Amino acid sequence: MGGRLTSPVIADGRVYVSQIDTHTLFALNQTDGQRVWKYTAGARVDSPPTIEQGRVVFGCADGWIYCLNQDDGQLVWRYRAAPMDRRTMAYEQLESLWPVHGSVLIKENIIWAVSGRSNFLDGGLRLLRLDLATGRKISETIMDETNPETGNNLQEKLQILQMPVGLPDILSSDEKFVYMRSQKFDLEGNRIEIGPVSGDFAKQGGAQRGEGVHLFAPMGFLDDTWFHRSYWVMGRNFAGGHGGYYQAGKYAPSGRIMVNGDGYVYGYGRKPEYLRWTTTMEHQLFAASPTPPEVPDNFGKGNGANADAGLHLQDSRLYRHWILPIKKSRLKPG
C-alpha cells in the first residue's frame, strides 16, 4: 500500500486508512495488518472515514458521500452532495466543483458534511445533514457571498484583519454546537454568529472565552504546510495578516497540533511572547487549561508603540499563569 496515505482510524478491531490518490479505502485487521476489504471511490479521499453503527461513512472529491457496510465494505448507499455532476481538473485528476472531505461528522445518527470549495465560488458551500441509516437528506444550508441576515454582500461583515469563514473544513462538535473552523452552527444546521466575534484587538482576550470555545484550525485541519502564521487554537476567533496572526495565540492555548481531554489541552506550540516580530521559532510540548485566566483590564494599555510594548512586557507573565510545560515523567505510559 504505497503512495499518500491518510491518518488511520481504529474501530472494532479494524484499521481504516485511505490511499488518497488511488481513491481507495482499506480496512485492515488491527492485529496482523492483513487486508479485510477495500473500496474504490470516484475521486480522491483526503481523510479517514467515520465509523458508526456498523457503517463506514466518508466524503469524496467526486462530490458524493459514501456509506459502506463495516463487515464487508459493500456499498449501502451514496448521496450526491454536489448540486450537479460538474467536474474540474485538480492535480491531474478529475474532481467535482463541490468536493467533500473524507472525514464526516456523525452526531446522534445524523451525518454532517460540507461540499464545495469556497463561499465565493460556484454558488458557495453546502452544509448537509443526512440520515445515517438511509442517506435521506434532512437539511441543507447554503453559504455563499450573501449575508443571510440582510441579503447584502457578505463583505459588510468584514472587520479589522478578519472576515467570516469562507472555506470548508472537517467539522467538529461539542454538546451544543457544530463548528467549521471558527464558524458556529446550531444543531439544526443554522449558521449563527456569522463573522468575527470581535474586530477589536483590545478585546481579543474576551473573544477567546465563553460559550463556543472549541478546538479549530483557521487554515484547516488537513493543512500540513506548518506556515508560522497559522496554528490551531482553543478559542473562538482568529485574525489574519502580519498584524493579526499572533493575537489568538496571546490569549488562548495554541499550537501546531493539539488535543483536548481530561481537563487539559495538550499541544506543541510556541510561547506567546514569541508570537510577534521575532525569529525565534522554537516549539515545545505543553499542557494547559482549556480556559485561560481573565485578562487584566490594563493589559497592554498605552498609546501607539507603548501599547504594543505593554503587550510584550506582560506576555510572559500571563503565559506562566496558564501554560504548564510537560515534564518527561508525564510522558511515560500510564
Protein backbone atom coordinates (compact mmCIF):
# COMPACT_ATOMS: atom_id res chain seq x y z
CA MET A 1 0.00 0.00 0.00
CA GLY A 2 2.24 2.87 -1.10
CA GLY A 3 1.53 6.44 -2.08
CA ARG A 4 -0.03 9.16 0.04
CA LEU A 5 -1.97 7.77 2.97
CA THR A 6 -4.37 9.47 5.36
CA SER A 7 -4.09 9.15 9.10
CA PRO A 8 -5.79 5.92 10.29
CA VAL A 9 -8.84 5.38 12.45
CA ILE A 10 -9.37 2.24 14.53
CA ALA A 11 -12.76 0.76 15.42
CA ASP A 12 -13.93 -2.72 16.40
CA GLY A 13 -10.60 -4.41 15.73
CA ARG A 14 -10.02 -2.86 12.32
CA VAL A 15 -7.83 -0.06 10.98
CA TYR A 16 -9.26 2.17 8.26
CA VAL A 17 -6.99 4.23 6.03
CA SER A 18 -7.33 5.86 2.62
CA GLN A 19 -4.78 5.73 -0.17
CA ILE A 20 -5.56 9.27 -1.29
CA ASP A 21 -4.56 9.42 -4.95
CA THR A 22 -5.92 5.99 -5.88
CA HIS A 23 -9.33 6.84 -4.33
CA THR A 24 -9.17 3.64 -2.30
CA LEU A 25 -10.26 2.99 1.28
CA PHE A 26 -8.72 -0.02 3.04
CA ALA A 27 -9.96 -1.95 6.08
CA LEU A 28 -7.13 -3.84 7.78
CA ASN A 29 -7.05 -6.31 10.63
CA GLN A 30 -5.81 -4.47 13.71
CA THR A 31 -3.84 -7.49 14.94
CA ASP A 32 -1.82 -8.54 11.91
CA GLY A 33 -2.39 -5.77 9.34
CA GLN A 34 -3.97 -8.11 6.80
CA ARG A 35 -6.44 -6.56 4.39
CA VAL A 36 -10.08 -7.38 5.14
CA TRP A 37 -11.58 -5.41 2.26
CA LYS A 38 -11.05 -2.36 0.08
CA TYR A 39 -13.35 0.05 -1.72
CA THR A 40 -12.51 2.39 -4.60
CA ALA A 41 -14.50 5.63 -4.87
CA GLY A 42 -14.82 8.12 -7.72
CA ALA A 43 -12.03 10.55 -6.76
CA ARG A 44 -9.56 11.35 -4.00
CA VAL A 45 -10.49 10.60 -0.40
CA ASP A 46 -8.40 13.05 1.62
CA SER A 47 -9.03 11.89 5.19
CA PRO A 48 -10.14 8.73 7.01
CA PRO A 49 -13.77 7.60 7.30
CA THR A 50 -16.13 7.89 10.26
CA ILE A 51 -17.35 4.62 11.83
CA GLU A 52 -20.77 4.43 13.48
CA GLN A 53 -23.49 1.77 13.95
CA GLY A 54 -21.73 -0.75 11.73
CA ARG A 55 -21.38 1.76 8.91
CA VAL A 56 -18.26 3.28 7.34
CA VAL A 57 -19.06 6.79 6.07
CA PHE A 58 -16.81 9.15 4.13
CA GLY A 59 -16.89 12.06 1.71
CA CYS A 60 -15.10 12.12 -1.61
CA ALA A 61 -13.69 14.69 -4.03
CA ASP A 62 -16.19 13.45 -6.63
CA GLY A 63 -18.88 15.30 -4.65
CA TRP A 64 -20.52 12.21 -3.15
CA ILE A 65 -20.89 10.86 0.39
CA TYR A 66 -20.47 7.08 0.65
CA CYS A 67 -21.83 4.67 3.27
CA LEU A 68 -20.35 1.14 3.37
CA ASN A 69 -21.10 -1.94 5.42
CA GLN A 70 -18.42 -2.28 8.08
CA ASP A 71 -18.22 -6.06 7.78
CA ASP A 72 -17.58 -6.49 4.06
CA GLY A 73 -17.14 -3.00 2.58
CA GLN A 74 -20.23 -3.28 0.34
CA LEU A 75 -21.98 -0.05 -0.63
CA VAL A 76 -25.11 0.58 1.45
CA TRP A 77 -25.97 3.95 -0.10
CA ARG A 78 -24.34 7.05 -1.51
CA TYR A 79 -25.59 10.62 -1.73
CA ARG A 80 -24.54 13.32 -4.19
CA ALA A 81 -23.65 16.30 -2.01
CA ALA A 82 -22.76 18.39 -5.08
CA PRO A 83 -25.72 20.26 -6.61
CA MET A 84 -24.83 18.80 -10.02
CA ASP A 85 -22.25 16.47 -11.54
CA ARG A 86 -19.77 19.02 -12.89
CA ARG A 87 -16.02 18.28 -12.86
CA THR A 88 -12.73 20.16 -12.97
CA MET A 89 -9.07 19.12 -13.11
CA ALA A 90 -7.12 19.22 -9.84
CA TYR A 91 -3.56 17.90 -9.59
CA GLU A 92 -4.02 15.90 -12.83
CA GLN A 93 -7.24 14.23 -11.71
CA LEU A 94 -10.92 14.96 -12.19
CA GLU A 95 -12.78 16.28 -9.18
CA SER A 96 -16.18 17.76 -8.54
CA LEU A 97 -16.53 21.53 -8.26
CA TRP A 98 -18.05 20.69 -4.87
CA PRO A 99 -15.75 18.10 -3.22
CA VAL A 100 -16.39 16.68 0.26
CA HIS A 101 -13.71 15.99 2.88
CA GLY A 102 -13.31 12.31 3.74
CA SER A 103 -13.91 12.62 7.49
CA VAL A 104 -17.56 13.49 8.09
CA LEU A 105 -19.20 14.28 11.43
CA ILE A 106 -21.83 11.90 12.84
CA LYS A 107 -23.87 13.17 15.77
CA GLU A 108 -26.92 11.28 17.09
CA ASN A 109 -27.14 9.20 13.89
CA ILE A 110 -27.10 12.30 11.70
CA ILE A 111 -24.27 12.80 9.21
CA TRP A 112 -22.92 16.33 8.83
CA ALA A 113 -20.76 17.23 5.82
CA VAL A 114 -19.88 20.23 3.65
CA SER A 115 -19.49 20.23 -0.13
CA GLY A 116 -17.79 22.97 -2.12
CA ARG A 117 -14.54 24.91 -2.22
CA SER A 118 -15.44 28.43 -1.08
CA ASN A 119 -18.37 30.68 -0.19
CA PHE A 120 -17.37 32.74 -3.20
CA LEU A 121 -17.09 30.04 -5.89
CA ASP A 122 -19.69 28.07 -7.87
CA GLY A 123 -22.67 29.03 -5.75
CA GLY A 124 -20.93 28.60 -2.40
CA LEU A 125 -20.72 25.83 0.19
CA ARG A 126 -23.48 23.40 1.17
CA LEU A 127 -23.82 22.12 4.73
CA LEU A 128 -25.76 18.84 4.57
CA ARG A 129 -27.40 16.75 7.27
CA LEU A 130 -28.21 13.16 6.25
CA ASP A 131 -29.86 10.24 7.98
CA LEU A 132 -27.21 7.61 8.75
CA ALA A 133 -29.45 4.61 8.06
CA THR A 134 -30.87 5.67 4.70
CA GLY A 135 -28.84 8.62 3.37
CA ARG A 136 -32.00 10.72 3.23
CA LYS A 137 -31.36 14.48 3.27
CA ILE A 138 -32.60 16.13 6.45
CA SER A 139 -31.50 19.68 5.72
CA GLU A 140 -29.23 21.77 3.53
CA THR A 141 -27.72 25.16 4.38
CA ILE A 142 -26.17 27.19 1.56
CA MET A 143 -23.32 29.54 2.45
CA ASP A 144 -22.42 31.98 -0.31
CA GLU A 145 -21.33 35.60 -0.71
CA THR A 146 -24.66 36.84 0.71
CA ASN A 147 -25.17 37.90 4.32
CA PRO A 148 -28.35 35.94 5.23
CA GLU A 149 -29.19 38.48 7.94
CA THR A 150 -29.56 41.37 5.49
CA GLY A 151 -29.38 39.99 1.95
CA ASN A 152 -26.39 42.22 1.24
CA ASN A 153 -22.91 41.13 0.20
CA LEU A 154 -21.02 39.30 2.92
CA GLN A 155 -18.23 41.87 2.83
CA GLU A 156 -20.27 44.05 5.18
CA LYS A 157 -19.23 41.59 7.90
CA LEU A 158 -15.53 42.33 7.39
CA GLN A 159 -13.66 43.68 10.40
CA ILE A 160 -10.04 44.59 11.08
CA LEU A 161 -7.95 41.77 9.54
CA GLN A 162 -10.89 39.40 9.96
CA MET A 163 -13.71 38.06 7.82
CA PRO A 164 -16.43 35.41 8.05
CA VAL A 165 -15.29 31.83 7.44
CA GLY A 166 -15.37 31.23 3.69
CA LEU A 167 -13.60 27.87 3.27
CA PRO A 168 -14.73 24.33 4.20
CA ASP A 169 -13.04 22.05 6.71
CA ILE A 170 -13.55 18.84 8.65
CA LEU A 171 -16.35 19.57 11.11
CA SER A 172 -16.17 19.27 14.90
CA SER A 173 -18.78 19.41 17.64
CA ASP A 174 -19.47 19.76 21.34
CA GLU A 175 -22.74 19.25 23.21
CA LYS A 176 -24.35 22.43 21.87
CA PHE A 177 -22.87 23.38 18.52
CA VAL A 178 -21.18 22.17 15.35
CA TYR A 179 -18.15 24.06 14.03
CA MET A 180 -16.44 24.62 10.68
CA ARG A 181 -13.18 26.36 11.58
CA SER A 182 -14.46 29.24 13.76
CA GLN A 183 -17.95 29.27 12.20
CA LYS A 184 -20.66 28.05 14.58
CA PHE A 185 -23.86 26.15 13.67
CA ASP A 186 -26.75 25.15 15.88
CA LEU A 187 -27.87 21.52 15.92
CA GLU A 188 -30.47 22.21 13.22
CA GLY A 189 -27.75 23.26 10.79
CA ASN A 190 -28.35 27.01 11.02
CA ARG A 191 -25.29 29.27 10.70
CA ILE A 192 -25.06 31.55 13.72
CA GLU A 193 -22.67 34.31 14.77
CA ILE A 194 -21.65 34.98 11.17
CA GLY A 195 -18.43 36.94 11.10
CA PRO A 196 -15.66 37.59 13.62
CA VAL A 197 -16.50 37.53 17.32
CA SER A 198 -14.66 40.82 17.74
CA GLY A 199 -12.62 43.01 15.44
CA ASP A 200 -11.08 45.00 18.27
CA PHE A 201 -7.63 43.68 19.22
CA ALA A 202 -8.08 45.12 22.71
CA LYS A 203 -10.98 42.66 23.14
CA GLN A 204 -9.20 39.58 21.80
CA GLY A 205 -8.85 38.16 25.32
CA GLY A 206 -12.61 38.15 25.75
CA ALA A 207 -13.12 36.86 22.22
CA GLN A 208 -11.32 33.64 23.17
CA ARG A 209 -13.52 32.95 26.20
CA GLY A 210 -17.12 31.97 26.86
CA GLU A 211 -19.67 29.79 25.09
CA GLY A 212 -18.43 28.40 21.81
CA VAL A 213 -14.79 27.90 22.77
CA HIS A 214 -13.58 24.94 20.73
CA LEU A 215 -10.52 23.48 19.06
CA PHE A 216 -10.17 24.70 15.49
CA ALA A 217 -7.58 25.28 12.78
CA PRO A 218 -8.02 28.60 10.92
CA MET A 219 -6.14 27.17 7.91
CA GLY A 220 -7.99 23.82 8.06
CA PHE A 221 -7.27 20.61 9.96
CA LEU A 222 -5.72 18.98 6.87
CA ASP A 223 -3.17 21.73 6.20
CA ASP A 224 0.36 20.32 6.65
CA THR A 225 2.49 23.25 5.46
CA TRP A 226 3.14 24.49 9.04
CA PHE A 227 3.30 28.14 7.98
CA HIS A 228 4.40 30.05 11.08
CA ARG A 229 1.44 32.45 10.87
CA SER A 230 -1.11 29.63 11.11
CA TYR A 231 -1.75 27.34 14.07
CA TRP A 232 -4.53 25.53 15.93
CA VAL A 233 -6.45 27.45 18.59
CA MET A 234 -8.57 26.54 21.61
CA GLY A 235 -10.79 29.59 21.33
CA ARG A 236 -13.43 31.29 19.18
CA ASN A 237 -11.69 33.67 16.82
CA PHE A 238 -8.64 34.27 14.64
CA ALA A 239 -7.28 37.38 12.90
CA GLY A 240 -5.08 37.24 9.82
CA GLY A 241 -2.26 39.20 8.28
CA HIS A 242 1.10 40.22 9.69
CA GLY A 243 -0.62 42.37 12.32
CA GLY A 244 -3.23 39.88 13.43
CA TYR A 245 -2.00 36.30 13.18
CA TYR A 246 -0.37 36.32 16.62
CA GLN A 247 -3.37 37.75 18.52
CA ALA A 248 -5.21 34.48 19.24
CA GLY A 249 -2.01 32.82 20.48
CA LYS A 250 -1.53 35.51 23.11
CA TYR A 251 -4.82 34.80 24.83
CA ALA A 252 -5.69 31.15 24.17
CA PRO A 253 -3.89 27.79 24.11
CA SER A 254 -2.50 27.32 20.62
CA GLY A 255 -0.04 25.16 18.71
CA ARG A 256 0.78 23.27 15.56
CA ILE A 257 -1.28 20.32 16.67
CA MET A 258 -3.45 19.94 19.77
CA VAL A 259 -5.82 17.61 21.56
CA ASN A 260 -8.40 18.38 24.25
CA GLY A 261 -9.19 15.88 27.01
CA ASP A 262 -9.13 15.05 30.72
CA GLY A 263 -9.41 18.70 31.70
CA TYR A 264 -6.36 19.86 29.75
CA VAL A 265 -5.39 20.95 26.27
CA TYR A 266 -2.19 19.24 25.10
CA GLY A 267 -0.22 20.66 22.22
CA TYR A 268 3.03 21.53 20.51
CA GLY A 269 3.40 25.26 20.11
CA ARG A 270 5.30 28.50 20.58
CA LYS A 271 5.39 30.64 23.68
CA PRO A 272 3.04 33.63 23.33
CA GLU A 273 5.89 36.12 23.78
CA TYR A 274 7.35 34.83 20.51
CA LEU A 275 4.13 35.40 18.56
CA ARG A 276 5.17 38.74 17.06
CA TRP A 277 8.08 40.11 15.05
CA THR A 278 10.67 37.56 16.08
CA THR A 279 12.95 35.00 14.53
CA THR A 280 12.51 32.61 17.45
CA MET A 281 10.57 29.64 16.08
CA GLU A 282 11.09 27.12 18.85
CA HIS A 283 8.16 24.93 19.85
CA GLN A 284 7.55 22.86 22.96
CA LEU A 285 5.13 20.25 24.22
CA PHE A 286 2.72 21.71 26.76
CA ALA A 287 -0.39 21.04 28.80
CA ALA A 288 -2.74 23.93 29.57
CA SER A 289 -6.15 24.65 31.00
CA PRO A 290 -8.69 24.99 28.16
CA THR A 291 -9.86 28.21 29.85
CA PRO A 292 -7.09 30.83 30.17
CA PRO A 293 -7.23 33.34 33.04
CA GLU A 294 -9.07 36.63 32.83
CA VAL A 295 -7.01 39.27 31.08
CA PRO A 296 -6.34 42.29 33.37
CA ASP A 297 -8.13 45.49 32.36
CA ASN A 298 -4.81 47.29 31.99
CA PHE A 299 -3.22 44.55 29.89
CA GLY A 300 -1.15 46.28 27.19
CA LYS A 301 -2.75 49.68 27.69
CA GLY A 302 -1.00 52.69 26.27
CA ASN A 303 -0.71 54.65 23.07
CA GLY A 304 0.84 53.56 19.79
CA ALA A 305 4.17 51.79 20.31
CA ASN A 306 3.70 51.88 24.08
CA ALA A 307 0.57 49.76 23.81
CA ASP A 308 2.45 47.15 21.78
CA ALA A 309 5.34 47.26 24.25
CA GLY A 310 2.88 46.75 27.10
CA LEU A 311 1.68 43.55 25.48
CA HIS A 312 5.25 42.28 25.16
CA LEU A 313 6.17 43.09 28.74
CA GLN A 314 3.21 41.21 30.16
CA ASP A 315 3.11 38.30 27.72
CA SER A 316 5.45 36.08 29.71
CA ARG A 317 3.66 36.75 33.00
CA LEU A 318 0.25 35.93 31.51
CA TYR A 319 1.73 32.89 29.81
CA ARG A 320 3.11 31.42 33.04
CA HIS A 321 -0.33 31.63 34.66
CA TRP A 322 -1.94 29.10 32.36
CA ILE A 323 0.63 27.01 30.49
CA LEU A 324 2.41 24.02 32.00
CA PRO A 325 5.40 22.63 30.07
CA ILE A 326 5.17 18.84 30.01
CA LYS A 327 7.82 17.05 32.03
CA LYS A 328 9.33 13.74 30.94
CA SER A 329 7.57 11.95 33.77
CA ARG A 330 4.22 13.00 32.33
CA LEU A 331 5.05 11.38 29.02
CA LYS A 332 5.57 7.89 30.45
CA PRO A 333 2.84 5.37 29.59
CA GLY A 334 0.20 5.09 32.32
